[in-house]
Amino acid sequence: MNTHPYESLTPDVVLDALATLDLHGDGRLTGLNSYENRVYQVFLEEPSPHPAVVVKFYRPDRWSSAE
């Protein structure tokens, strides 16, 4: 059975990815339009200097090793 490439991209995974950059989301995620990637506006626990950030997750195999 084939699964969708973004099936494992849960809100927790998105928030954990942000945490690796020392940014902590407050749990609110808004999906934004994108043709083949996943893009979210994530609201931050500490809204200074910005109340939210936009994060983009590229589809699997989007980039080759040469790129």
PDB file of N, CA and C in Angstrom:
ATOM      1  N   MET A   1       0.841  -1.186   0.000  1.00  0.00           N
ATOM      2  CA  MET A   1       0.000   0.000   0.000  1.00  0.00           C
ATOM      3  C   MET A   1       0.885   1.249   0.000  1.00  0.00           C
ATOM      4  N   ASN A   2       0.661   2.131  -0.932  1.00  0.00           N
ATOM      5  CA  ASN A   2       1.417   3.378  -1.000  1.00  0.00           C
ATOM      6  C   ASN A   2       0.791   4.406  -0.078  1.00  0.00           C
ATOM      7  N   THR A   3       1.634   5.130   0.628  1.00  0.00           N
ATOM      8  CA  THR A   3       1.144   6.190   1.500  1.00  0.00           C
ATOM      9  C   THR A   3       1.506   7.537   0.889  1.00  0.00           C
ATOM     10  N   HIS A   4       0.769   8.534   1.280  1.00  0.00           N
ATOM     11  CA  HIS A   4       1.046   9.886   0.798  1.00  0.00           C
ATOM     12  C   HIS A   4       2.359  10.367   1.407  1.00  0.00           C
ATOM     13  N   PRO A   5       3.207  11.041   0.634  1.00  0.00           N
ATOM     14  CA  PRO A   5       4.517  11.461   1.150  1.00  0.00           C
ATOM     15  C   PRO A   5       4.456  12.360   2.383  1.00  0.00           C
ATOM     16  N   TYR A   6       3.354  13.055   2.569  1.00  0.00           N
ATOM     17  CA  TYR A   6       3.256  13.957   3.718  1.00  0.00           C
ATOM     18  C   TYR A   6       2.466  13.350   4.871  1.00  0.00           C
ATOM     19  N   GLU A   7       2.146  12.069   4.780  1.00  0.00           N
ATOM     20  CA  GLU A   7       1.325  11.430   5.807  1.00  0.00           C
ATOM     21  C   GLU A   7       1.931  11.562   7.203  1.00  0.00           C
ATOM     22  N   SER A   8       3.248  11.513   7.289  1.00  0.00           N
ATOM     23  CA  SER A   8       3.906  11.591   8.599  1.00  0.00           C
ATOM     24  C   SER A   8       4.166  13.030   9.051  1.00  0.00           C
ATOM     25  N   LEU A   9       3.790  14.006   8.243  1.00  0.00           N
ATOM     26  CA  LEU A   9       4.006  15.413   8.606  1.00  0.00           C
ATOM     27  C   LEU A   9       2.823  15.904   9.450  1.00  0.00           C
ATOM     28  N   THR A  10       2.877  15.579  10.720  1.00  0.00           N
ATOM     29  CA  THR A  10       1.815  15.946  11.653  1.00  0.00           C
ATOM     30  C   THR A  10       2.122  17.307  12.279  1.00  0.00           C
ATOM     31  N   PRO A  11       1.143  17.921  12.928  1.00  0.00           N
ATOM     32  CA  PRO A  11       1.433  19.178  13.631  1.00  0.00           C
ATOM     33  C   PRO A  11       2.581  19.049  14.633  1.00  0.00           C
ATOM     34  N   ASP A  12       2.678  17.916  15.318  1.00  0.00           N
ATOM     35  CA  ASP A  12       3.784  17.726  16.264  1.00  0.00           C
ATOM     36  C   ASP A  12       5.132  17.735  15.557  1.00  0.00           C
ATOM     37  N   VAL A  13       5.206  17.142  14.382  1.00  0.00           N
ATOM     38  CA  VAL A  13       6.461  17.132  13.617  1.00  0.00           C
ATOM     39  C   VAL A  13       6.827  18.553  13.200  1.00  0.00           C
ATOM     40  N   VAL A  14       5.840  19.329  12.774  1.00  0.00           N
ATOM     41  CA  VAL A  14       6.082  20.724  12.388  1.00  0.00           C
ATOM     42  C   VAL A  14       6.603  21.515  13.585  1.00  0.00           C
ATOM     43  N   LEU A  15       5.949  21.371  14.730  1.00  0.00           N
ATOM     44  CA  LEU A  15       6.372  22.109  15.931  1.00  0.00           C
ATOM     45  C   LEU A  15       7.748  21.656  16.412  1.00  0.00           C
ATOM     46  N   ASP A  16       8.034  20.358  16.320  1.00  0.00           N
ATOM     47  CA  ASP A  16       9.360  19.856  16.707  1.00  0.00           C
ATOM     48  C   ASP A  16      10.447  20.414  15.788  1.00  0.00           C
ATOM     49  N   ALA A  17      10.150  20.525  14.494  1.00  0.00           N
ATOM     50  CA  ALA A  17      11.125  21.092  13.559  1.00  0.00           C
ATOM     51  C   ALA A  17      11.430  22.541  13.920  1.00  0.00           C
ATOM     52  N   LEU A  18      10.408  23.296  14.275  1.00  0.00           N
ATOM     53  CA  LEU A  18      10.622  24.687  14.698  1.00  0.00           C
ATOM     54  C   LEU A  18      11.443  24.757  15.977  1.00  0.00           C
ATOM     55  N   ALA A  19      11.177  23.841  16.890  1.00  0.00           N
ATOM     56  CA  ALA A  19      11.892  23.842  18.172  1.00  0.00           C
ATOM     57  C   ALA A  19      13.389  23.643  17.969  1.00  0.00           C
ATOM     58  N   THR A  20      13.785  22.933  16.906  1.00  0.00           N
ATOM     59  CA  THR A  20      15.219  22.762  16.646  1.00  0.00           C
ATOM     60  C   THR A  20      15.880  24.086  16.291  1.00  0.00           C
ATOM     61  N   LEU A  21      15.064  25.066  15.904  1.00  0.00           N
ATOM     62  CA  LEU A  21      15.564  26.413  15.595  1.00  0.00           C
ATOM     63  C   LEU A  21      15.338  27.371  16.753  1.00  0.00           C
ATOM     64  N   ASP A  22      14.972  26.820  17.897  1.00  0.00           N
ATOM     65  CA  ASP A  22      14.674  27.594  19.109  1.00  0.00           C
ATOM     66  C   ASP A  22      13.476  28.522  18.915  1.00  0.00           C
ATOM     67  N   LEU A  23      12.530  28.080  18.098  1.00  0.00           N
ATOM     68  CA  LEU A  23      11.251  28.765  17.927  1.00  0.00           C
ATOM     69  C   LEU A  23      10.173  27.828  18.450  1.00  0.00           C
ATOM     70  N   HIS A  24       9.266  28.337  19.246  1.00  0.00           N
ATOM     71  CA  HIS A  24       8.281  27.473  19.892  1.00  0.00           C
ATOM     72  C   HIS A  24       6.874  27.928  19.532  1.00  0.00           C
ATOM     73  N   GLY A  25       6.194  27.082  18.776  1.00  0.00           N
ATOM     74  CA  GLY A  25       4.837  27.384  18.367  1.00  0.00           C
ATOM     75  C   GLY A  25       3.862  27.205  19.514  1.00  0.00           C
ATOM     76  N   ASP A  26       2.754  27.949  19.445  1.00  0.00           N
ATOM     77  CA  ASP A  26       1.732  27.838  20.493  1.00  0.00           C
ATOM     78  C   ASP A  26       0.670  26.795  20.146  1.00  0.00           C
ATOM     79  N   GLY A  27       0.860  26.074  19.049  1.00  0.00           N
ATOM     80  CA  GLY A  27      -0.073  25.022  18.659  1.00  0.00           C
ATOM     81  C   GLY A  27      -0.995  25.407  17.520  1.00  0.00           C
ATOM     82  N   ARG A  28      -1.020  26.685  17.166  1.00  0.00           N
ATOM     83  CA  ARG A  28      -1.876  27.125  16.055  1.00  0.00           C
ATOM     84  C   ARG A  28      -1.090  27.073  14.751  1.00  0.00           C
ATOM     85  N   LEU A  29      -1.575  26.279  13.815  1.00  0.00           N
ATOM     86  CA  LEU A  29      -0.976  26.164  12.490  1.00  0.00           C
ATOM     87  C   LEU A  29      -2.061  26.432  11.459  1.00  0.00           C
ATOM     88  N   THR A  30      -1.720  27.211  10.456  1.00  0.00           N
ATOM     89  CA  THR A  30      -2.634  27.473   9.353  1.00  0.00           C
ATOM     90  C   THR A  30      -1.971  26.995   8.074  1.00  0.00           C
ATOM     91  N   GLY A  31      -2.612  26.083   7.367  1.00  0.00           N
ATOM     92  CA  GLY A  31      -2.080  25.619   6.095  1.00  0.00           C
ATOM     93  C   GLY A  31      -2.208  26.705   5.042  1.00  0.00           C
ATOM     94  N   LEU A  32      -1.129  26.942   4.301  1.00  0.00           N
ATOM     95  CA  LEU A  32      -1.126  27.941   3.235  1.00  0.00           C
ATOM     96  C   LEU A  32      -1.047  27.237   1.883  1.00  0.00           C
ATOM     97  N   ASN A  33      -1.470  27.911   0.841  1.00  0.00           N
ATOM     98  CA  ASN A  33      -1.484  27.314  -0.494  1.00  0.00           C
ATOM     99  C   ASN A  33      -0.076  27.051  -1.004  1.00  0.00           C
ATOM    100  N   SER A  34       0.097  25.866  -1.567  1.00  0.00           N
ATOM    101  CA  SER A  34       1.339  25.500  -2.228  1.00  0.00           C
ATOM    102  C   SER A  34       1.027  24.353  -3.178  1.00  0.00           C
ATOM    103  N   TYR A  35       1.605  24.392  -4.355  1.00  0.00           N
ATOM    104  CA  TYR A  35       1.293  23.395  -5.377  1.00  0.00           C
ATOM    105  C   TYR A  35       1.718  21.990  -4.976  1.00  0.00           C
ATOM    106  N   GLU A  36       2.967  21.823  -4.530  1.00  0.00           N
ATOM    107  CA  GLU A  36       3.429  20.469  -4.242  1.00  0.00           C
ATOM    108  C   GLU A  36       4.145  20.321  -2.902  1.00  0.00           C
ATOM    109  N   ASN A  37       4.285  21.383  -2.165  1.00  0.00           N
ATOM    110  CA  ASN A  37       4.942  21.322  -0.866  1.00  0.00           C
ATOM    111  C   ASN A  37       3.908  21.561   0.221  1.00  0.00           C
ATOM    112  N   ARG A  38       4.333  21.544   1.456  1.00  0.00           N
ATOM    113  CA  ARG A  38       3.445  21.870   2.569  1.00  0.00           C
ATOM    114  C   ARG A  38       3.979  23.131   3.226  1.00  0.00           C
ATOM    115  N   VAL A  39       3.129  24.139   3.322  1.00  0.00           N
ATOM    116  CA  VAL A  39       3.514  25.431   3.881  1.00  0.00           C
ATOM    117  C   VAL A  39       2.519  25.780   4.976  1.00  0.00           C
ATOM    118  N   TYR A  40       3.052  26.213   6.119  1.00  0.00           N
ATOM    119  CA  TYR A  40       2.212  26.543   7.267  1.00  0.00           C
ATOM    120  C   TYR A  40       2.615  27.883   7.856  1.00  0.00           C
ATOM    121  N   GLN A  41       1.629  28.608   8.338  1.00  0.00           N
ATOM    122  CA  GLN A  41       1.882  29.750   9.207  1.00  0.00           C
ATOM    123  C   GLN A  41       1.761  29.199  10.620  1.00  0.00           C
ATOM    124  N   VAL A  42       2.808  29.394  11.415  1.00  0.00           N
ATOM    125  CA  VAL A  42       2.833  28.870  12.781  1.00  0.00           C
ATOM    126  C   VAL A  42       2.935  30.047  13.739  1.00  0.00           C
ATOM    127  N   PHE A  43       1.991  30.140  14.639  1.00  0.00           N
ATOM    128  CA  PHE A  43       1.988  31.211  15.630  1.00  0.00           C
ATOM    129  C   PHE A  43       2.898  30.823  16.788  1.00  0.00           C
ATOM    130  N   LEU A  44       3.647  31.794  17.291  1.00  0.00           N
ATOM    131  CA  LEU A  44       4.684  31.541  18.289  1.00  0.00           C
ATOM    132  C   LEU A  44       4.200  31.821  19.702  1.00  0.00           C
ATOM    133  N   GLU A  45       4.776  31.068  20.658  1.00  0.00           N
ATOM    134  CA  GLU A  45       4.463  31.287  22.077  1.00  0.00           C
ATOM    135  C   GLU A  45       4.876  32.680  22.520  1.00  0.00           C
ATOM    136  N   GLU A  46       6.052  33.108  22.065  1.00  0.00           N
ATOM    137  CA  GLU A  46       6.559  34.441  22.402  1.00  0.00           C
ATOM    138  C   GLU A  46       6.532  35.275  21.123  1.00  0.00           C
ATOM    139  N   PRO A  47       5.490  36.092  20.951  1.00  0.00           N
ATOM    140  CA  PRO A  47       5.289  36.780  19.676  1.00  0.00           C
ATOM    141  C   PRO A  47       6.172  38.000  19.438  1.00  0.00           C
ATOM    142  N   SER A  48       7.365  37.992  19.944  1.00  0.00           N
ATOM    143  CA  SER A  48       8.254  39.118  19.732  1.00  0.00           C
ATOM    144  C   SER A  48       9.557  38.598  19.142  1.00  0.00           C
ATOM    145  N   PRO A  49      10.067  39.102  18.072  1.00  0.00           N
ATOM    146  CA  PRO A  49       9.621  40.287  17.361  1.00  0.00           C
ATOM    147  C   PRO A  49       8.490  40.008  16.363  1.00  0.00           C
ATOM    148  N   HIS A  50       8.152  38.749  16.104  1.00  0.00           N
ATOM    149  CA  HIS A  50       7.092  38.431  15.143  1.00  0.00           C
ATOM    150  C   HIS A  50       6.090  37.484  15.790  1.00  0.00           C
ATOM    151  N   PRO A  51       4.803  37.678  15.529  1.00  0.00           N
ATOM    152  CA  PRO A  51       3.796  36.806  16.136  1.00  0.00           C
ATOM    153  C   PRO A  51       3.733  35.427  15.500  1.00  0.00           C
ATOM    154  N   ALA A  52       4.267  35.298  14.273  1.00  0.00           N
ATOM    155  CA  ALA A  52       4.183  34.021  13.571  1.00  0.00           C
ATOM    156  C   ALA A  52       5.322  33.913  12.566  1.00  0.00           C
ATOM    157  N   VAL A  53       5.570  32.682  12.132  1.00  0.00           N
ATOM    158  CA  VAL A  53       6.543  32.424  11.076  1.00  0.00           C
ATOM    159  C   VAL A  53       5.863  31.553  10.027  1.00  0.00           C
ATOM    160  N   VAL A  54       6.424  31.550   8.836  1.00  0.00           N
ATOM    161  CA  VAL A  54       5.954  30.670   7.775  1.00  0.00           C
ATOM    162  C   VAL A  54       7.028  29.612   7.564  1.00  0.00           C
ATOM    163  N   VAL A  55       6.608  28.349   7.576  1.00  0.00           N
ATOM    164  CA  VAL A  55       7.543  27.242   7.379  1.00  0.00           C
ATOM    165  C   VAL A  55       7.134  26.469   6.134  1.00  0.00           C
ATOM    166  N   LYS A  56       8.127  25.955   5.436  1.00  0.00           N
ATOM    167  CA  LYS A  56       7.873  25.226   4.197  1.00  0.00           C
ATOM    168  C   LYS A  56       8.580  23.887   4.260  1.00  0.00           C
ATOM    169  N   PHE A  57       7.848  22.834   3.978  1.00  0.00           N
ATOM    170  CA  PHE A  57       8.391  21.484   3.919  1.00  0.00           C
ATOM    171  C   PHE A  57       8.303  21.021   2.468  1.00  0.00           C
ATOM    172  N   TYR A  58       9.471  20.754   1.885  1.00  0.00           N
ATOM    173  CA  TYR A  58       9.508  20.323   0.494  1.00  0.00           C
ATOM    174  C   TYR A  58       9.092  18.868   0.386  1.00  0.00           C
ATOM    175  N   ARG A  59       8.498  18.518  -0.755  1.00  0.00           N
ATOM    176  CA  ARG A  59       8.095  17.134  -0.975  1.00  0.00           C
ATOM    177  C   ARG A  59       9.341  16.252  -0.963  1.00  0.00           C
ATOM    178  N   PRO A  60       9.192  15.001  -0.555  1.00  0.00           N
ATOM    179  CA  PRO A  60      10.336  14.082  -0.560  1.00  0.00           C
ATOM    180  C   PRO A  60      10.944  13.987  -1.965  1.00  0.00           C
ATOM    181  N   ASP A  61      12.252  13.866  -2.014  1.00  0.00           N
ATOM    182  CA  ASP A  61      13.020  13.750  -3.265  1.00  0.00           C
ATOM    183  C   ASP A  61      12.971  15.017  -4.116  1.00  0.00           C
ATOM    184  N   ARG A  62      12.631  16.133  -3.518  1.00  0.00           N
ATOM    185  CA  ARG A  62      12.579  17.408  -4.251  1.00  0.00           C
ATOM    186  C   ARG A  62      13.971  17.838  -4.692  1.00  0.00           C
ATOM    187  N   TRP A  63      14.939  17.642  -3.834  1.00  0.00           N
ATOM    188  CA  TRP A  63      16.309  18.067  -4.120  1.00  0.00           C
ATOM    189  C   TRP A  63      17.193  16.849  -4.336  1.00  0.00           C
ATOM    190  N   SER A  64      18.073  16.925  -5.306  1.00  0.00           N
ATOM    191  CA  SER A  64      19.041  15.856  -5.524  1.00  0.00           C
ATOM    192  C   SER A  64      20.313  16.184  -4.748  1.00  0.00           C
ATOM    193  N   SER A  65      21.197  15.216  -4.639  1.00  0.00           N
ATOM    194  CA  SER A  65      22.471  15.438  -3.945  1.00  0.00           C
ATOM    195  C   SER A  65      23.300  16.503  -4.654  1.00  0.00           C
ATOM    196  N   ALA A  66      23.155  16.604  -5.965  1.00  0.00           N
ATOM    197  CA  ALA A  66      23.919  17.579  -6.739  1.00  0.00           C
ATOM    198  C   ALA A  66      23.458  19.006  -6.477  1.00  0.00           C
ATOM    199  N   GLU A  67      22.224  19.166  -6.041  1.00  0.00           N
ATOM    200  CA  GLU A  67      21.708  20.512  -5.796  1.00  0.00           C
ATOM    201  C   GLU A  67      22.115  20.918  -4.427  1.00  0.00           C
TER     202      GLU A  67
END
